[in-house]
Amino acid sequence: MPEPESDEYRFILKVLDKNRNEIHRQQEQIKNNYLQKIFTEEISFSQIPEPVAKQFCLELPSPYVCVVLFHVKEAEESGEISELTTFIIRNVYQELLCPVFADSYFSVQRHRIAVLVSTPDEESAPLLHLEAKTRQLLAFLSDSFQLSLRTGVSGIVSRENILDAYLQADTALEYERLFEAGPLCLYDSIPLLSRTELKIADIAHMTGFADSNAYIRIFKKLKGTTPGRFKEMQAST
């Protein structure tokens, strides 16, 4: 039986589609509001009502998390991130994170996107893996969509300390803003920390720090541990 071609039929389809889009938009807004409160520790995941947690997939399977912040430069003038930009960043990043980081939660905050990543216990070096995927995202967005982003990545923390992770990522984001035109690159030092023949002072100098104490101080502030301790953990894995 052929589909009806009447104006009434097309009008009904249009109304139904519009209603579905509006319901989806409202659901995303509710989920975003919950995540905003989680990032500021107004509530915890355990305080979300079970039906809500299941409906919006707001359940953390791992006891450890990491926060990634993206600052979208194109949103500085308009004051907010476009829906298309949010869609691109969310979908590409989720594709890159899976299957290792299958559970990630996105929250739009004016010209920022905050991502809460659940880190699996079985992953031996989750932070290095996550940072590599984040850099891959930035390169892809720049090459394919001419999107310019700054990013801040926290250390791995327990899920009871999400606010601490958020503040770490925020500090990392501010650090990148201050030094984006300079030679300093903290993340370039991370692969060097796995080389046993290099001292911390050597690594600091190789990555643009004139003072190794400044490197140690900033590294600890952004990563939650000293580069020396990080180097020991790398050697033991």
Protein backbone atom coordinates (compact mmCIF):
# COMPACT_ATOMS: atom_id res chain seq x y z
CA MET A 1 0.00 0.00 0.00
CA PRO A 2 1.58 3.34 -1.04
CA GLU A 3 2.32 5.95 1.61
CA PRO A 4 -0.20 8.77 1.85
CA GLU A 5 1.00 11.94 0.17
CA SER A 6 -1.46 14.35 1.70
CA ASP A 7 -0.38 17.57 3.34
CA GLU A 8 -2.06 16.37 6.54
CA TYR A 9 0.12 13.24 6.67
CA ARG A 10 3.32 15.23 6.15
CA PHE A 11 2.20 17.72 8.79
CA ILE A 12 1.67 14.91 11.36
CA LEU A 13 5.13 13.49 10.63
CA LYS A 14 6.67 16.92 11.05
CA VAL A 15 4.93 17.45 14.40
CA LEU A 16 6.00 14.01 15.66
CA ASP A 17 9.60 14.62 14.62
CA LYS A 18 9.60 18.02 16.30
CA ASN A 19 8.22 16.49 19.51
CA ARG A 20 10.89 13.78 19.50
CA ASN A 21 13.62 16.38 19.06
CA GLU A 22 12.21 18.49 21.89
CA ILE A 23 12.01 15.49 24.24
CA HIS A 24 15.61 14.57 23.40
CA ARG A 25 16.73 18.17 24.00
CA GLN A 26 15.02 18.25 27.40
CA GLN A 27 16.56 14.91 28.38
CA GLU A 28 20.03 16.16 27.44
CA GLN A 29 19.45 19.33 29.48
CA ILE A 30 18.41 17.33 32.55
CA LYS A 31 21.47 15.09 32.21
CA ASN A 32 23.70 18.12 31.75
CA ASN A 33 22.25 19.71 34.92
CA TYR A 34 23.00 16.56 36.94
CA LEU A 35 26.58 16.48 35.64
CA GLN A 36 27.09 20.16 36.47
CA LYS A 37 26.14 19.40 40.08
CA ILE A 38 28.38 16.33 40.14
CA PHE A 39 31.40 18.36 38.96
CA THR A 40 30.84 20.89 41.77
CA GLU A 41 30.07 18.12 44.31
CA GLU A 42 26.58 19.47 45.02
CA ILE A 43 25.55 15.85 44.60
CA SER A 44 27.34 12.55 44.08
CA PHE A 45 26.52 9.70 41.71
CA SER A 46 25.20 7.67 44.64
CA GLN A 47 22.63 10.40 45.40
CA ILE A 48 21.04 10.29 41.96
CA PRO A 49 17.71 8.41 42.14
CA GLU A 50 18.11 4.94 40.65
CA PRO A 51 15.42 5.38 37.92
CA VAL A 52 17.12 8.63 36.81
CA ALA A 53 20.59 7.05 36.84
CA LYS A 54 19.38 4.18 34.65
CA GLN A 55 17.45 6.39 32.24
CA PHE A 56 20.37 8.76 31.68
CA CYS A 57 23.14 6.15 32.09
CA LEU A 58 24.64 8.03 35.04
CA GLU A 59 26.37 5.10 36.70
CA LEU A 60 30.11 4.81 37.37
CA PRO A 61 31.36 1.23 36.98
CA SER A 62 34.90 2.06 38.17
CA PRO A 63 36.05 3.56 41.49
CA TYR A 64 38.50 5.83 39.64
CA VAL A 65 37.86 8.77 37.32
CA CYS A 66 39.60 11.50 35.38
CA VAL A 67 38.31 14.89 34.22
CA VAL A 68 39.11 16.40 30.82
CA LEU A 69 38.23 20.02 30.05
CA PHE A 70 38.00 21.45 26.54
CA HIS A 71 37.99 25.19 25.93
CA VAL A 72 36.51 25.95 22.50
CA LYS A 73 38.09 29.14 21.17
CA GLU A 74 35.36 29.75 18.58
CA ALA A 75 32.86 30.12 21.44
CA GLU A 76 34.70 33.04 23.06
CA GLU A 77 32.97 35.59 20.81
CA SER A 78 29.49 34.05 20.79
CA GLY A 79 29.63 33.13 24.48
CA GLU A 80 28.49 29.53 23.96
CA ILE A 81 29.40 26.40 22.04
CA SER A 82 27.22 25.61 19.03
CA GLU A 83 25.22 22.38 19.03
CA LEU A 84 27.11 21.19 15.94
CA THR A 85 30.51 21.73 17.60
CA THR A 86 29.33 19.93 20.73
CA PHE A 87 28.03 17.04 18.63
CA ILE A 88 31.34 16.72 16.74
CA ILE A 89 33.54 16.82 19.85
CA ARG A 90 31.33 14.42 21.81
CA ASN A 91 31.03 11.81 19.06
CA VAL A 92 34.64 11.86 17.89
CA TYR A 93 36.01 11.73 21.44
CA GLN A 94 33.70 8.89 22.45
CA GLU A 95 34.77 6.96 19.36
CA LEU A 96 38.44 7.45 20.26
CA LEU A 97 37.94 6.52 23.92
CA CYS A 98 36.09 3.27 23.24
CA PRO A 99 36.55 0.45 24.02
CA VAL A 100 39.15 1.17 26.75
CA PHE A 101 37.20 4.09 28.28
CA ALA A 102 33.67 2.97 27.54
CA ASP A 103 32.02 5.20 30.15
CA SER A 104 32.36 8.96 29.67
CA TYR A 105 30.00 11.78 30.62
CA PHE A 106 29.88 15.13 28.82
CA SER A 107 28.72 18.46 30.26
CA VAL A 108 28.53 21.71 28.28
CA GLN A 109 29.56 24.80 30.26
CA ARG A 110 29.31 27.95 28.11
CA HIS A 111 32.57 27.86 26.08
CA ARG A 112 33.78 24.69 27.79
CA ILE A 113 33.04 21.01 27.58
CA ALA A 114 33.78 18.96 30.70
CA VAL A 115 34.21 15.21 30.35
CA LEU A 116 34.16 12.79 33.26
CA VAL A 117 35.95 9.59 32.24
CA SER A 118 35.61 6.37 34.20
CA THR A 119 39.01 4.65 34.19
CA PRO A 120 39.02 0.83 34.16
CA ASP A 121 41.05 -1.06 36.76
CA GLU A 122 42.60 -3.37 34.18
CA GLU A 123 44.22 -0.53 32.20
CA SER A 124 47.90 -0.37 33.24
CA ALA A 125 48.58 3.25 32.27
CA PRO A 126 45.16 4.94 31.93
CA LEU A 127 46.40 8.52 32.12
CA LEU A 128 48.99 8.10 29.37
CA HIS A 129 46.41 6.37 27.19
CA LEU A 130 43.80 9.05 27.85
CA GLU A 131 46.22 11.90 27.11
CA ALA A 132 47.26 10.22 23.85
CA LYS A 133 43.60 9.93 22.78
CA THR A 134 43.00 13.56 23.75
CA ARG A 135 45.90 14.75 21.60
CA GLN A 136 44.61 12.62 18.76
CA LEU A 137 41.24 14.35 19.08
CA LEU A 138 42.78 17.84 19.00
CA ALA A 139 44.79 17.02 15.88
CA PHE A 140 41.76 15.53 14.12
CA LEU A 141 39.47 18.45 14.94
CA SER A 142 42.09 20.95 13.79
CA ASP A 143 42.76 19.15 10.49
CA SER A 144 39.20 18.11 9.63
CA PHE A 145 37.03 20.90 11.06
CA GLN A 146 39.48 23.77 11.72
CA LEU A 147 38.39 23.71 15.37
CA SER A 148 40.89 25.16 17.83
CA LEU A 149 40.71 23.79 21.37
CA ARG A 150 42.73 24.04 24.53
CA THR A 151 42.59 21.14 26.92
CA GLY A 152 43.30 20.31 30.55
CA VAL A 153 43.56 16.76 31.87
CA SER A 154 43.45 15.86 35.54
CA GLY A 155 45.18 13.02 37.30
CA ILE A 156 43.39 9.80 38.20
CA VAL A 157 41.36 10.21 41.40
CA SER A 158 38.75 8.24 43.31
CA ARG A 159 35.18 8.95 42.29
CA GLU A 160 34.60 10.60 45.66
CA ASN A 161 37.04 13.37 44.64
CA ILE A 162 35.56 14.55 41.34
CA LEU A 163 35.82 18.21 42.36
CA ASP A 164 39.57 17.80 42.98
CA ALA A 165 39.96 16.30 39.51
CA TYR A 166 37.93 19.14 38.00
CA LEU A 167 40.16 21.73 39.68
CA GLN A 168 43.27 19.90 38.46
CA ALA A 169 41.96 19.97 34.89
CA ASP A 170 41.03 23.64 35.27
CA THR A 171 44.58 24.44 36.45
CA ALA A 172 46.01 22.52 33.50
CA LEU A 173 43.76 24.48 31.15
CA GLU A 174 44.91 27.78 32.64
CA TYR A 175 48.54 26.66 32.42
CA GLU A 176 48.13 25.96 28.71
CA ARG A 177 46.49 29.37 28.18
CA LEU A 178 49.39 31.14 29.87
CA PHE A 179 52.12 29.30 28.01
CA GLU A 180 50.54 28.33 24.69
CA ALA A 181 52.85 30.74 22.80
CA GLY A 182 55.98 29.66 24.72
CA PRO A 183 58.32 26.66 24.62
CA LEU A 184 56.98 25.02 27.76
CA CYS A 185 55.20 21.74 27.18
CA LEU A 186 54.55 19.66 30.25
CA TYR A 187 53.00 16.79 28.33
CA ASP A 188 56.12 16.37 26.20
CA SER A 189 57.93 15.42 29.39
CA ILE A 190 55.70 12.43 30.14
CA PRO A 191 57.20 9.98 27.58
CA LEU A 192 60.68 11.06 28.74
CA LEU A 193 59.90 9.99 32.31
CA SER A 194 59.93 6.36 31.18
CA ARG A 195 63.61 6.66 30.19
CA THR A 196 65.64 5.49 33.17
CA GLU A 197 68.87 7.17 32.04
CA LEU A 198 67.33 10.66 32.25
CA LYS A 199 67.26 12.63 35.48
CA ILE A 200 64.34 14.89 36.40
CA ALA A 201 66.55 17.97 35.89
CA ASP A 202 67.46 16.73 32.40
CA ILE A 203 63.80 16.23 31.48
CA ALA A 204 62.87 19.67 32.83
CA HIS A 205 65.57 21.28 30.70
CA MET A 206 64.64 19.26 27.58
CA THR A 207 61.01 20.42 27.80
CA GLY A 208 61.79 24.11 28.21
CA PHE A 209 61.92 24.61 31.98
CA ALA A 210 64.84 26.72 33.12
CA ASP A 211 64.24 25.62 36.71
CA SER A 212 63.63 21.97 37.60
CA ASN A 213 61.85 23.04 40.80
CA ALA A 214 59.26 24.92 38.72
CA TYR A 215 58.78 21.82 36.59
CA ILE A 216 58.27 19.62 39.68
CA ARG A 217 55.85 22.13 41.23
CA ILE A 218 53.69 22.48 38.11
CA PHE A 219 53.79 18.74 37.37
CA LYS A 220 52.54 17.91 40.87
CA LYS A 221 49.81 20.55 40.67
CA LEU A 222 48.51 19.20 37.38
CA LYS A 223 49.08 15.48 37.85
CA GLY A 224 48.63 15.07 41.59
CA THR A 225 52.07 13.50 42.04
CA THR A 226 55.71 14.46 41.54
CA PRO A 227 57.56 13.59 38.32
CA GLY A 228 59.94 11.45 40.40
CA ARG A 229 57.07 9.38 41.78
CA PHE A 230 55.48 9.23 38.33
CA LYS A 231 58.81 7.96 36.95
CA GLU A 232 58.90 5.23 39.60
CA MET A 233 55.38 4.12 38.73
CA GLN A 234 56.31 3.98 35.04
CA ALA A 235 59.32 1.80 35.83
CA SER A 236 57.19 -0.63 37.84
CA THR A 237 54.58 -1.16 35.07
